[in-house]
N, C-alpha and C. Protein backbone atom coordinates (compact mmCIF):
# COMPACT_ATOMS: atom_id res chain seq x y z
N MET A 1 0.84 -1.17 0.00
CA MET A 1 -0.01 -0.04 0.01
C MET A 1 0.83 1.26 0.00
N ARG A 2 1.89 1.24 0.88
CA ARG A 2 2.75 2.41 0.91
C ARG A 2 3.50 2.64 -0.35
N HIS A 3 3.88 1.51 -1.00
CA HIS A 3 4.58 1.62 -2.32
C HIS A 3 3.70 2.25 -3.34
N ASP A 4 2.37 1.86 -3.38
CA ASP A 4 1.43 2.40 -4.37
C ASP A 4 1.24 3.94 -4.11
N VAL A 5 1.18 4.35 -2.83
CA VAL A 5 0.99 5.73 -2.54
C VAL A 5 2.19 6.61 -2.98
N LYS A 6 3.43 6.01 -2.84
CA LYS A 6 4.64 6.69 -3.35
C LYS A 6 4.59 6.82 -4.80
N ARG A 7 4.18 5.70 -5.48
CA ARG A 7 4.19 5.77 -6.99
C ARG A 7 3.13 6.73 -7.49
N ALA A 8 1.98 6.83 -6.90
CA ALA A 8 0.96 7.81 -7.23
C ALA A 8 1.46 9.21 -7.07
N GLY A 9 2.18 9.43 -5.93
CA GLY A 9 2.65 10.78 -5.69
C GLY A 9 3.71 11.19 -6.74
N ALA A 10 4.57 10.27 -7.06
CA ALA A 10 5.63 10.53 -8.06
C ALA A 10 5.00 10.81 -9.44
N ARG A 11 3.94 10.06 -9.80
CA ARG A 11 3.28 10.22 -11.06
C ARG A 11 2.63 11.65 -11.09
N ARG A 12 1.98 12.12 -10.06
CA ARG A 12 1.42 13.48 -9.99
C ARG A 12 2.52 14.50 -10.16
N ALA A 13 3.62 14.29 -9.56
CA ALA A 13 4.74 15.24 -9.67
C ALA A 13 5.26 15.37 -11.11
N VAL A 14 5.30 14.19 -11.80
CA VAL A 14 5.68 14.18 -13.21
C VAL A 14 4.75 14.95 -14.08
N LEU A 15 3.41 14.81 -13.80
CA LEU A 15 2.42 15.44 -14.56
C LEU A 15 2.53 16.96 -14.36
N LEU A 16 2.76 17.47 -13.16
CA LEU A 16 2.91 18.82 -12.87
C LEU A 16 4.14 19.42 -13.62
N ALA A 17 5.15 18.64 -13.62
CA ALA A 17 6.36 19.06 -14.29
C ALA A 17 6.22 19.19 -15.79
N ALA A 18 5.28 18.39 -16.41
CA ALA A 18 5.06 18.35 -17.84
C ALA A 18 4.69 19.76 -18.33
N GLY A 19 3.80 20.44 -17.58
CA GLY A 19 3.37 21.70 -18.06
C GLY A 19 4.54 22.71 -18.11
N ALA A 20 5.45 22.68 -17.19
CA ALA A 20 6.63 23.50 -17.21
C ALA A 20 7.57 23.12 -18.39
N ALA A 21 7.58 21.83 -18.71
CA ALA A 21 8.45 21.39 -19.82
C ALA A 21 7.95 21.94 -21.15
N VAL A 22 6.59 22.09 -21.33
CA VAL A 22 6.09 22.57 -22.57
C VAL A 22 6.47 24.05 -22.69
N CYS A 23 6.34 24.87 -21.58
CA CYS A 23 6.68 26.28 -21.62
C CYS A 23 8.08 26.42 -21.86
N GLY A 24 8.92 25.49 -21.44
CA GLY A 24 10.40 25.62 -21.67
C GLY A 24 10.91 24.90 -22.88
N ALA A 25 10.02 24.53 -23.82
CA ALA A 25 10.47 23.80 -25.01
C ALA A 25 11.58 24.54 -25.72
N MET A 26 12.55 23.81 -26.13
CA MET A 26 13.70 24.30 -26.85
C MET A 26 14.65 25.14 -26.06
N LEU A 27 14.44 25.25 -24.70
CA LEU A 27 15.30 26.02 -23.86
C LEU A 27 16.30 25.15 -23.15
N ALA A 28 16.01 23.90 -22.97
CA ALA A 28 16.96 23.04 -22.29
C ALA A 28 16.95 21.66 -22.88
N THR A 29 18.07 20.94 -22.78
CA THR A 29 18.20 19.60 -23.28
C THR A 29 17.97 18.57 -22.19
N PRO A 30 16.89 17.74 -22.24
CA PRO A 30 16.69 16.82 -21.20
C PRO A 30 17.68 15.70 -21.16
N ALA A 31 18.02 15.19 -19.98
CA ALA A 31 19.04 14.22 -19.84
C ALA A 31 18.82 13.00 -20.65
N TRP A 32 17.51 12.58 -20.78
CA TRP A 32 17.24 11.32 -21.53
C TRP A 32 17.59 11.46 -23.01
N SER A 33 17.75 12.68 -23.51
CA SER A 33 17.98 12.81 -24.94
C SER A 33 19.39 12.31 -25.33
N GLN A 34 20.28 12.19 -24.32
CA GLN A 34 21.63 11.74 -24.57
C GLN A 34 21.70 10.27 -25.00
N SER A 35 20.62 9.52 -24.87
CA SER A 35 20.65 8.12 -25.25
C SER A 35 20.17 7.89 -26.72
N PHE A 36 19.76 8.95 -27.41
CA PHE A 36 19.34 8.85 -28.76
C PHE A 36 20.43 8.54 -29.76
N THR A 37 20.06 8.28 -31.00
CA THR A 37 21.06 7.91 -31.96
C THR A 37 21.96 9.09 -32.32
N ASP A 38 23.07 8.79 -33.02
CA ASP A 38 23.93 9.83 -33.42
C ASP A 38 23.24 10.87 -34.36
N ARG A 39 22.25 10.35 -35.12
CA ARG A 39 21.52 11.24 -35.98
C ARG A 39 20.82 12.35 -35.13
N PHE A 40 20.21 11.93 -34.11
CA PHE A 40 19.54 12.95 -33.22
C PHE A 40 20.57 13.84 -32.61
N LYS A 41 21.72 13.31 -32.20
CA LYS A 41 22.69 14.09 -31.51
C LYS A 41 23.18 15.25 -32.43
N SER A 42 23.30 14.89 -33.76
CA SER A 42 23.73 15.90 -34.68
C SER A 42 22.65 16.98 -34.90
N LEU A 43 21.40 16.53 -34.95
CA LEU A 43 20.32 17.50 -35.16
C LEU A 43 20.19 18.44 -33.95
N PHE A 44 20.28 17.87 -32.72
CA PHE A 44 20.05 18.60 -31.52
C PHE A 44 21.36 19.16 -30.92
N GLY A 45 22.38 19.21 -31.75
CA GLY A 45 23.70 19.67 -31.22
C GLY A 45 23.76 21.13 -30.84
N GLY A 46 22.92 21.95 -31.51
CA GLY A 46 22.97 23.42 -31.25
C GLY A 46 22.09 23.78 -30.14
N SER A 47 22.21 25.03 -29.68
CA SER A 47 21.39 25.56 -28.60
C SER A 47 20.18 26.37 -29.18
N GLY A 48 19.23 26.64 -28.34
CA GLY A 48 18.08 27.42 -28.81
C GLY A 48 18.39 28.79 -29.24
N SER A 49 19.60 29.32 -28.84
CA SER A 49 19.97 30.71 -29.16
C SER A 49 20.77 30.77 -30.45
N ASP A 50 21.05 29.64 -31.04
CA ASP A 50 21.84 29.67 -32.25
C ASP A 50 21.08 30.32 -33.39
N PRO A 51 21.80 31.08 -34.29
CA PRO A 51 21.11 31.67 -35.47
C PRO A 51 20.60 30.59 -36.39
N ALA A 52 19.66 30.97 -37.22
CA ALA A 52 19.08 30.02 -38.11
C ALA A 52 20.12 29.47 -39.02
N PRO A 53 20.29 28.12 -39.17
CA PRO A 53 21.30 27.53 -39.99
C PRO A 53 21.05 27.81 -41.48
N THR A 54 22.10 28.08 -42.21
CA THR A 54 21.90 28.24 -43.67
C THR A 54 21.63 26.94 -44.34
N ILE A 55 21.06 26.98 -45.54
CA ILE A 55 20.77 25.78 -46.22
C ILE A 55 21.92 25.26 -46.99
N SER A 56 22.33 24.05 -46.76
CA SER A 56 23.53 23.50 -47.33
C SER A 56 23.28 23.06 -48.83
N ASN A 57 24.41 22.83 -49.48
CA ASN A 57 24.38 22.34 -50.88
C ASN A 57 23.83 23.34 -51.93
N GLY A 58 23.60 24.58 -51.48
CA GLY A 58 23.07 25.57 -52.46
C GLY A 58 24.17 26.31 -53.11
N PRO A 59 23.86 26.82 -54.38
CA PRO A 59 24.82 27.65 -55.07
C PRO A 59 25.13 28.96 -54.36
N ALA A 60 26.21 29.61 -54.65
CA ALA A 60 26.56 30.82 -53.95
C ALA A 60 25.47 31.84 -53.97
N ALA A 61 24.75 31.93 -55.12
CA ALA A 61 23.68 33.01 -55.28
C ALA A 61 22.59 32.75 -54.27
N GLU A 62 22.39 31.55 -53.73
CA GLU A 62 21.27 31.26 -52.82
C GLU A 62 21.75 30.86 -51.46
N SER A 63 22.99 31.23 -51.16
CA SER A 63 23.61 30.85 -49.85
C SER A 63 22.98 31.60 -48.74
N ASP A 64 22.26 32.67 -49.00
CA ASP A 64 21.65 33.47 -47.90
C ASP A 64 20.35 32.91 -47.38
N LEU A 65 19.82 31.85 -48.08
CA LEU A 65 18.64 31.18 -47.60
C LEU A 65 18.91 30.54 -46.25
N THR A 66 17.96 30.63 -45.31
CA THR A 66 18.09 30.02 -43.95
C THR A 66 17.04 28.98 -43.76
N CYS A 67 17.31 28.04 -42.90
CA CYS A 67 16.35 26.94 -42.56
C CYS A 67 15.34 27.58 -41.62
N PRO A 68 14.03 27.48 -41.97
CA PRO A 68 12.95 28.09 -41.20
C PRO A 68 12.96 27.61 -39.73
N PRO A 69 12.50 28.41 -38.83
CA PRO A 69 12.43 28.01 -37.37
C PRO A 69 11.30 26.99 -37.21
N VAL A 70 11.37 26.23 -36.13
CA VAL A 70 10.31 25.33 -35.81
C VAL A 70 9.43 25.94 -34.71
N THR A 71 8.16 25.99 -34.95
CA THR A 71 7.21 26.59 -34.00
C THR A 71 6.09 25.58 -33.74
N ILE A 72 5.78 25.44 -32.45
CA ILE A 72 4.61 24.59 -32.05
C ILE A 72 3.31 25.38 -32.12
N ARG A 73 2.41 24.83 -32.95
CA ARG A 73 1.13 25.58 -33.10
C ARG A 73 0.41 25.79 -31.80
N ALA A 74 -0.27 26.94 -31.68
CA ALA A 74 -0.98 27.27 -30.47
C ALA A 74 -2.10 26.25 -30.28
N GLY A 75 -2.12 25.66 -29.06
CA GLY A 75 -3.22 24.70 -28.71
C GLY A 75 -2.84 23.28 -29.13
N ALA A 76 -1.65 23.10 -29.71
CA ALA A 76 -1.27 21.74 -30.19
C ALA A 76 0.04 21.28 -29.49
N ALA A 77 0.34 21.85 -28.35
CA ALA A 77 1.64 21.50 -27.69
C ALA A 77 1.43 20.25 -26.77
N THR A 78 0.25 19.88 -26.42
CA THR A 78 0.01 18.73 -25.58
C THR A 78 -1.09 17.84 -26.19
N TYR A 79 -1.09 16.61 -25.81
CA TYR A 79 -2.09 15.64 -26.29
C TYR A 79 -2.40 14.75 -25.13
N ALA A 80 -3.68 14.84 -24.66
CA ALA A 80 -4.12 14.11 -23.49
C ALA A 80 -5.32 13.24 -23.77
N ILE A 81 -5.31 12.07 -23.16
CA ILE A 81 -6.38 11.09 -23.41
C ILE A 81 -6.89 10.66 -22.06
N GLY A 82 -8.23 10.69 -21.85
CA GLY A 82 -8.84 10.30 -20.57
C GLY A 82 -9.56 8.96 -20.76
N LEU A 83 -10.25 8.55 -19.65
CA LEU A 83 -11.04 7.33 -19.68
C LEU A 83 -12.19 7.61 -20.73
N PRO A 84 -12.76 6.52 -21.28
CA PRO A 84 -13.88 6.63 -22.21
C PRO A 84 -15.03 7.46 -21.60
N GLY A 85 -15.45 8.54 -22.34
CA GLY A 85 -16.57 9.35 -21.84
C GLY A 85 -16.17 10.37 -20.78
N LYS A 86 -14.90 10.40 -20.42
CA LYS A 86 -14.47 11.33 -19.37
C LYS A 86 -13.49 12.31 -19.98
N GLU A 87 -13.38 13.50 -19.25
CA GLU A 87 -12.41 14.50 -19.63
C GLU A 87 -11.00 14.02 -19.25
N ALA A 88 -10.03 14.40 -20.08
CA ALA A 88 -8.69 14.00 -19.81
C ALA A 88 -8.06 14.91 -18.76
N SER A 89 -8.51 14.72 -17.56
CA SER A 89 -7.97 15.50 -16.44
C SER A 89 -8.14 14.79 -15.09
N GLY A 90 -7.46 15.23 -14.10
CA GLY A 90 -7.60 14.61 -12.74
C GLY A 90 -7.30 13.16 -12.71
N ASN A 91 -8.20 12.41 -12.02
CA ASN A 91 -8.03 10.96 -11.83
C ASN A 91 -8.48 10.23 -13.15
N ASP A 92 -9.19 10.94 -14.05
CA ASP A 92 -9.60 10.26 -15.30
C ASP A 92 -8.60 10.33 -16.41
N LEU A 93 -7.43 10.99 -16.15
CA LEU A 93 -6.40 11.08 -17.17
C LEU A 93 -5.64 9.79 -17.32
N ARG A 94 -5.63 9.25 -18.59
CA ARG A 94 -4.87 7.98 -18.83
C ARG A 94 -3.43 8.32 -19.11
N TYR A 95 -3.20 9.27 -20.03
CA TYR A 95 -1.86 9.69 -20.34
C TYR A 95 -1.85 11.07 -20.98
N GLN A 96 -0.68 11.69 -20.95
CA GLN A 96 -0.48 12.98 -21.59
C GLN A 96 0.83 12.99 -22.38
N VAL A 97 0.89 13.60 -23.51
CA VAL A 97 2.07 13.61 -24.38
C VAL A 97 2.51 15.08 -24.53
N VAL A 98 3.80 15.32 -24.35
CA VAL A 98 4.27 16.72 -24.46
C VAL A 98 5.44 16.74 -25.39
N ILE A 99 5.70 17.82 -26.09
CA ILE A 99 6.86 18.06 -26.88
C ILE A 99 7.92 18.76 -26.05
N GLY A 100 9.15 18.31 -26.01
CA GLY A 100 10.14 18.83 -25.17
C GLY A 100 11.18 19.67 -25.92
N ARG A 101 11.57 19.24 -27.15
CA ARG A 101 12.56 19.90 -27.83
C ARG A 101 12.50 19.64 -29.36
N THR A 102 12.97 20.57 -30.17
CA THR A 102 12.90 20.46 -31.63
C THR A 102 14.29 20.85 -32.23
N ALA A 103 14.51 20.44 -33.47
CA ALA A 103 15.66 20.84 -34.24
C ALA A 103 15.38 20.65 -35.66
N ARG A 104 16.23 21.27 -36.52
CA ARG A 104 16.00 21.13 -37.96
C ARG A 104 17.26 21.31 -38.76
N GLU A 105 17.28 20.81 -39.97
CA GLU A 105 18.39 21.06 -40.92
C GLU A 105 17.72 21.02 -42.28
N CYS A 106 18.34 21.80 -43.28
CA CYS A 106 17.75 21.84 -44.56
C CYS A 106 18.86 21.65 -45.63
N ASN A 107 18.48 21.02 -46.74
CA ASN A 107 19.39 20.85 -47.82
C ASN A 107 18.75 21.23 -49.13
N LEU A 108 19.47 21.95 -49.99
CA LEU A 108 18.95 22.43 -51.27
C LEU A 108 19.47 21.59 -52.40
N ASN A 109 18.65 21.13 -53.32
CA ASN A 109 19.13 20.36 -54.43
C ASN A 109 18.15 20.57 -55.61
N SER A 110 18.65 21.15 -56.68
CA SER A 110 17.85 21.30 -57.91
C SER A 110 16.62 22.17 -57.59
N GLY A 111 16.68 23.20 -56.81
CA GLY A 111 15.60 24.11 -56.51
C GLY A 111 14.62 23.59 -55.46
N MET A 112 14.87 22.39 -54.96
CA MET A 112 13.94 21.83 -53.91
C MET A 112 14.68 21.74 -52.58
N ILE A 113 14.02 22.03 -51.50
CA ILE A 113 14.55 21.89 -50.16
C ILE A 113 14.05 20.70 -49.50
N THR A 114 14.98 19.83 -48.92
CA THR A 114 14.58 18.67 -48.13
C THR A 114 14.91 19.08 -46.68
N ALA A 115 13.91 19.07 -45.79
CA ALA A 115 14.05 19.42 -44.42
C ALA A 115 14.00 18.23 -43.49
N HIS A 116 14.97 18.09 -42.62
CA HIS A 116 14.87 17.07 -41.53
C HIS A 116 14.49 17.78 -40.27
N ILE A 117 13.27 17.43 -39.74
CA ILE A 117 12.79 18.10 -38.55
C ILE A 117 12.76 17.10 -37.46
N GLY A 118 13.45 17.37 -36.36
CA GLY A 118 13.51 16.45 -35.23
C GLY A 118 12.64 16.87 -34.14
N ILE A 119 11.93 15.96 -33.52
CA ILE A 119 10.98 16.28 -32.42
C ILE A 119 11.30 15.29 -31.28
N GLN A 120 11.49 15.77 -30.10
CA GLN A 120 11.57 14.97 -28.91
C GLN A 120 10.52 15.33 -27.93
N GLY A 121 10.08 14.36 -27.24
CA GLY A 121 8.95 14.62 -26.18
C GLY A 121 8.91 13.44 -25.25
N ARG A 122 7.75 13.44 -24.46
CA ARG A 122 7.55 12.38 -23.49
C ARG A 122 6.09 12.01 -23.44
N VAL A 123 5.75 10.77 -23.17
CA VAL A 123 4.49 10.24 -22.91
C VAL A 123 4.46 9.96 -21.38
N ILE A 124 3.52 10.60 -20.72
CA ILE A 124 3.48 10.52 -19.23
C ILE A 124 2.16 9.89 -18.81
N ALA A 125 2.26 8.74 -18.08
CA ALA A 125 1.07 8.04 -17.63
C ALA A 125 0.30 8.89 -16.59
N GLY A 126 -1.00 8.82 -16.62
CA GLY A 126 -1.81 9.50 -15.69
C GLY A 126 -2.37 8.60 -14.60
N PRO A 127 -3.10 9.15 -13.65
CA PRO A 127 -3.63 8.29 -12.56
C PRO A 127 -4.53 7.13 -13.04
N ALA A 128 -5.22 7.26 -14.19
CA ALA A 128 -6.10 6.19 -14.64
C ALA A 128 -5.35 5.07 -15.26
N GLY A 129 -4.06 5.30 -15.52
CA GLY A 129 -3.22 4.21 -16.14
C GLY A 129 -3.21 4.23 -17.64
N ALA A 130 -2.02 4.20 -18.21
CA ALA A 130 -1.88 4.29 -19.68
C ALA A 130 -1.93 2.83 -20.24
N PRO A 131 -2.22 2.73 -21.52
CA PRO A 131 -2.20 1.46 -22.12
C PRO A 131 -0.83 1.00 -22.37
N GLY A 132 -0.58 -0.26 -22.82
CA GLY A 132 0.79 -0.78 -23.02
C GLY A 132 1.52 -0.04 -24.14
N THR A 133 0.72 0.39 -25.11
CA THR A 133 1.31 1.06 -26.33
C THR A 133 0.50 2.33 -26.58
N VAL A 134 1.19 3.44 -26.85
CA VAL A 134 0.55 4.70 -27.07
C VAL A 134 1.00 5.20 -28.43
N GLU A 135 0.03 5.57 -29.27
CA GLU A 135 0.30 6.11 -30.59
C GLU A 135 0.32 7.66 -30.51
N VAL A 136 1.40 8.22 -30.92
CA VAL A 136 1.56 9.71 -30.91
C VAL A 136 1.32 10.25 -32.29
N PRO A 137 0.28 11.11 -32.44
CA PRO A 137 -0.04 11.72 -33.76
C PRO A 137 0.58 13.07 -33.86
N ILE A 138 1.43 13.30 -34.85
CA ILE A 138 2.01 14.64 -35.03
C ILE A 138 1.88 15.07 -36.47
N ARG A 139 1.57 16.42 -36.61
CA ARG A 139 1.51 17.00 -37.97
C ARG A 139 2.62 17.95 -38.14
N VAL A 140 3.23 17.94 -39.35
CA VAL A 140 4.32 18.87 -39.66
C VAL A 140 3.92 19.63 -40.92
N ALA A 141 4.04 20.90 -40.86
CA ALA A 141 3.64 21.80 -42.02
C ALA A 141 4.76 22.85 -42.26
N VAL A 142 4.90 23.13 -43.57
CA VAL A 142 5.71 24.21 -43.96
C VAL A 142 4.77 25.32 -44.42
N VAL A 143 4.87 26.47 -43.75
CA VAL A 143 3.90 27.58 -44.02
C VAL A 143 4.65 28.85 -44.36
N GLN A 144 4.15 29.55 -45.38
CA GLN A 144 4.67 30.92 -45.62
C GLN A 144 3.73 31.84 -44.85
N ASP A 145 4.21 32.32 -43.71
CA ASP A 145 3.37 33.11 -42.79
C ASP A 145 3.18 34.48 -43.37
N GLY A 146 2.12 35.16 -42.82
CA GLY A 146 1.85 36.51 -43.30
C GLY A 146 0.31 36.79 -43.01
N VAL A 147 -0.15 37.84 -43.61
CA VAL A 147 -1.55 38.22 -43.51
C VAL A 147 -2.46 37.10 -43.98
N SER A 148 -2.08 36.51 -45.12
CA SER A 148 -2.79 35.32 -45.62
C SER A 148 -1.86 34.11 -45.67
N PRO A 149 -1.69 33.39 -44.61
CA PRO A 149 -0.71 32.28 -44.56
C PRO A 149 -0.95 31.31 -45.74
N LYS A 150 0.11 30.80 -46.26
CA LYS A 150 0.02 29.80 -47.33
C LYS A 150 0.73 28.52 -46.89
N THR A 151 0.02 27.42 -46.88
CA THR A 151 0.61 26.14 -46.56
C THR A 151 1.30 25.55 -47.79
N VAL A 152 2.57 25.40 -47.65
CA VAL A 152 3.46 24.86 -48.75
C VAL A 152 3.59 23.32 -48.72
N PHE A 153 3.51 22.76 -47.53
CA PHE A 153 3.61 21.35 -47.32
C PHE A 153 3.00 20.99 -46.01
N THR A 154 2.32 19.83 -45.98
CA THR A 154 1.80 19.32 -44.71
C THR A 154 1.74 17.81 -44.76
N LYS A 155 2.04 17.17 -43.62
CA LYS A 155 1.96 15.71 -43.59
C LYS A 155 1.76 15.26 -42.12
N ALA A 156 1.00 14.28 -41.97
CA ALA A 156 0.80 13.67 -40.63
C ALA A 156 1.69 12.49 -40.39
N TYR A 157 2.15 12.35 -39.13
CA TYR A 157 3.01 11.22 -38.76
C TYR A 157 2.51 10.54 -37.57
N ARG A 158 2.79 9.27 -37.37
CA ARG A 158 2.39 8.49 -36.19
C ARG A 158 3.60 7.73 -35.75
N THR A 159 3.82 7.74 -34.50
CA THR A 159 4.87 7.01 -33.93
C THR A 159 4.40 6.26 -32.62
N ALA A 160 4.72 4.99 -32.48
CA ALA A 160 4.21 4.17 -31.40
C ALA A 160 5.27 4.19 -30.27
N VAL A 161 4.72 4.32 -29.03
CA VAL A 161 5.64 4.31 -27.86
C VAL A 161 5.18 3.21 -26.88
N ASN A 162 6.11 2.31 -26.55
CA ASN A 162 5.82 1.24 -25.61
C ASN A 162 5.97 1.82 -24.17
N MET A 163 4.97 1.77 -23.41
CA MET A 163 5.00 2.31 -22.10
C MET A 163 5.69 1.39 -21.09
N GLY A 164 6.64 1.86 -20.30
CA GLY A 164 7.26 1.03 -19.31
C GLY A 164 6.58 1.19 -17.97
N THR A 165 7.30 0.73 -16.94
CA THR A 165 6.76 0.78 -15.51
C THR A 165 7.03 2.12 -14.90
N ASP A 166 7.92 2.93 -15.52
CA ASP A 166 8.31 4.17 -14.84
C ASP A 166 7.16 5.24 -14.97
N GLY A 167 6.27 5.10 -15.93
CA GLY A 167 5.22 6.07 -16.17
C GLY A 167 5.56 7.26 -16.93
N SER A 168 6.81 7.39 -17.43
CA SER A 168 7.30 8.54 -18.26
C SER A 168 8.23 7.98 -19.29
N VAL A 169 7.88 7.97 -20.57
CA VAL A 169 8.59 7.36 -21.59
C VAL A 169 8.93 8.36 -22.72
N PRO A 170 10.17 8.51 -23.23
CA PRO A 170 10.42 9.42 -24.33
C PRO A 170 9.95 8.90 -25.67
N PHE A 171 9.67 9.82 -26.54
CA PHE A 171 9.42 9.47 -27.96
C PHE A 171 10.19 10.42 -28.76
N SER A 172 10.47 10.03 -30.01
CA SER A 172 11.17 10.82 -30.93
C SER A 172 10.80 10.59 -32.34
N LEU A 173 11.01 11.63 -33.18
CA LEU A 173 10.61 11.56 -34.62
C LEU A 173 11.53 12.48 -35.37
N VAL A 174 12.05 11.95 -36.51
CA VAL A 174 12.81 12.82 -37.42
C VAL A 174 12.23 12.64 -38.85
N THR A 175 11.77 13.69 -39.43
CA THR A 175 11.15 13.60 -40.79
C THR A 175 12.26 13.43 -41.79
N GLU A 176 11.98 12.61 -42.84
CA GLU A 176 12.89 12.46 -43.92
C GLU A 176 12.31 12.81 -45.29
N ASP A 177 10.97 13.23 -45.25
CA ASP A 177 10.31 13.46 -46.52
C ASP A 177 9.62 14.73 -46.64
N VAL A 178 10.06 15.80 -45.88
CA VAL A 178 9.55 17.15 -46.01
C VAL A 178 10.27 17.84 -47.15
N VAL A 179 9.65 17.96 -48.28
CA VAL A 179 10.34 18.52 -49.45
C VAL A 179 9.39 19.59 -50.03
N TYR A 180 9.99 20.74 -50.33
CA TYR A 180 9.18 21.86 -50.91
C TYR A 180 10.16 22.76 -51.79
N PRO A 181 9.53 23.54 -52.69
CA PRO A 181 10.34 24.45 -53.57
C PRO A 181 11.05 25.48 -52.72
N ALA A 182 12.26 25.71 -53.13
CA ALA A 182 13.07 26.82 -52.40
C ALA A 182 12.41 28.17 -52.58
N PRO A 183 12.24 28.91 -51.51
CA PRO A 183 11.54 30.20 -51.61
C PRO A 183 12.57 31.25 -52.15
N SER A 184 11.99 32.37 -52.64
CA SER A 184 12.82 33.47 -53.06
C SER A 184 13.34 34.15 -51.85
N LEU A 185 14.46 34.90 -51.92
CA LEU A 185 15.05 35.55 -50.74
C LEU A 185 14.09 36.60 -50.05
N ASP A 186 13.19 37.15 -50.89
CA ASP A 186 12.31 38.21 -50.25
C ASP A 186 11.25 37.60 -49.40
N VAL A 187 10.98 36.34 -49.47
CA VAL A 187 9.96 35.70 -48.57
C VAL A 187 10.58 34.59 -47.68
N ASN A 188 11.86 34.42 -47.83
CA ASN A 188 12.53 33.35 -47.09
C ASN A 188 12.23 33.48 -45.56
N ASP A 189 12.33 34.67 -45.03
CA ASP A 189 12.09 34.88 -43.57
C ASP A 189 10.69 34.62 -43.15
N ALA A 190 9.71 34.57 -44.06
CA ALA A 190 8.34 34.29 -43.70
C ALA A 190 8.05 32.80 -43.56
N TYR A 191 8.97 31.93 -43.96
CA TYR A 191 8.72 30.50 -43.84
C TYR A 191 8.89 30.04 -42.45
N VAL A 192 7.97 29.07 -42.05
CA VAL A 192 8.01 28.50 -40.67
C VAL A 192 7.68 26.95 -40.75
N PHE A 193 8.38 26.19 -40.00
CA PHE A 193 7.99 24.86 -39.83
C PHE A 193 7.02 24.75 -38.59
N TYR A 194 5.78 24.50 -38.84
CA TYR A 194 4.76 24.32 -37.77
C TYR A 194 4.61 22.81 -37.40
N ILE A 195 4.68 22.58 -36.15
CA ILE A 195 4.43 21.19 -35.67
C ILE A 195 3.40 21.28 -34.59
N GLY A 196 2.81 20.07 -34.27
CA GLY A 196 1.81 19.94 -33.21
C GLY A 196 1.13 18.59 -33.24
N PHE A 197 0.55 18.29 -32.20
CA PHE A 197 -0.29 17.02 -32.11
C PHE A 197 -1.57 17.23 -32.89
N ASP A 198 -1.92 16.17 -33.61
CA ASP A 198 -3.11 16.17 -34.44
C ASP A 198 -3.93 14.95 -34.21
N PRO A 199 -4.86 14.88 -33.29
CA PRO A 199 -5.63 13.63 -32.92
C PRO A 199 -6.36 13.08 -34.12
N GLN A 200 -6.69 13.97 -35.14
CA GLN A 200 -7.46 13.47 -36.33
C GLN A 200 -6.67 12.38 -37.08
N VAL A 201 -5.31 12.40 -36.90
CA VAL A 201 -4.47 11.44 -37.61
C VAL A 201 -4.85 9.98 -37.21
N LEU A 202 -5.31 9.79 -35.98
CA LEU A 202 -5.57 8.41 -35.46
C LEU A 202 -7.00 7.96 -35.75
N LYS A 203 -7.83 8.87 -36.31
CA LYS A 203 -9.19 8.43 -36.62
C LYS A 203 -9.15 7.60 -37.91
N PRO A 204 -9.91 6.46 -37.93
CA PRO A 204 -9.94 5.65 -39.14
C PRO A 204 -10.52 6.32 -40.31
N GLU A 205 -9.98 6.09 -41.45
CA GLU A 205 -10.50 6.67 -42.72
C GLU A 205 -11.88 6.12 -42.97
N PRO A 206 -12.80 7.01 -43.47
CA PRO A 206 -14.13 6.50 -43.81
C PRO A 206 -14.09 5.49 -44.91
N LYS A 207 -14.86 4.44 -44.75
CA LYS A 207 -14.90 3.40 -45.78
C LYS A 207 -15.54 3.97 -47.03
N SER A 208 -14.96 3.64 -48.13
CA SER A 208 -15.51 4.03 -49.45
C SER A 208 -16.74 3.25 -49.80
N ARG A 209 -17.67 3.89 -50.35
CA ARG A 209 -18.92 3.23 -50.68
C ARG A 209 -18.67 2.30 -51.87
N ARG A 210 -19.18 1.11 -51.76
CA ARG A 210 -19.01 0.11 -52.87
C ARG A 210 -20.03 0.43 -53.97
N LYS A 211 -19.46 0.31 -55.12
CA LYS A 211 -20.29 0.57 -56.30
C LYS A 211 -21.30 -0.60 -56.49
N LYS A 212 -22.56 -0.26 -56.75
CA LYS A 212 -23.52 -1.26 -56.98
C LYS A 212 -23.39 -1.94 -58.35
């Protein structure tokens, strides 16, 4: 009984800390990120205060292009699931997913930019208990921001996380297929990589009507 009380208290502490982690996204490198692959280590090697990296492999005339910043969409920084028919809060919370850190790199080839966007985060079990496997739905978009924003590229991604006994498990994602036309220098600074959780990704596609 005493062990269960300690575990519940620790789990509540982790959930409270999650909110602070979202607010501090990209400001600190969590210790658990050190166990990721060398690919991640290279993507996350810089600090949040580094200037925007230039786009590699481009001709001299286009060397001033920079890799767009990564921004978490408003309202899409957390993803929480509760018990069926219950709000995802309090004792009815099954799990919550948060984004902790992001990174990016861009390469230019034949007028097209290929962007690798890295996302690190955590799945945190709630008081109601998380399932053995959690699917994390994330959408990545390339947007030319402005008065009338223009979506240049968008794609949904899913990554599965096996929950352990600790109640807090890291997840990671690196895109390999974000490709879009290189912008002109006059609009380069308006480009943004938007990311965020998108629950619609996990909904089954509607069955097509069979022809009679």
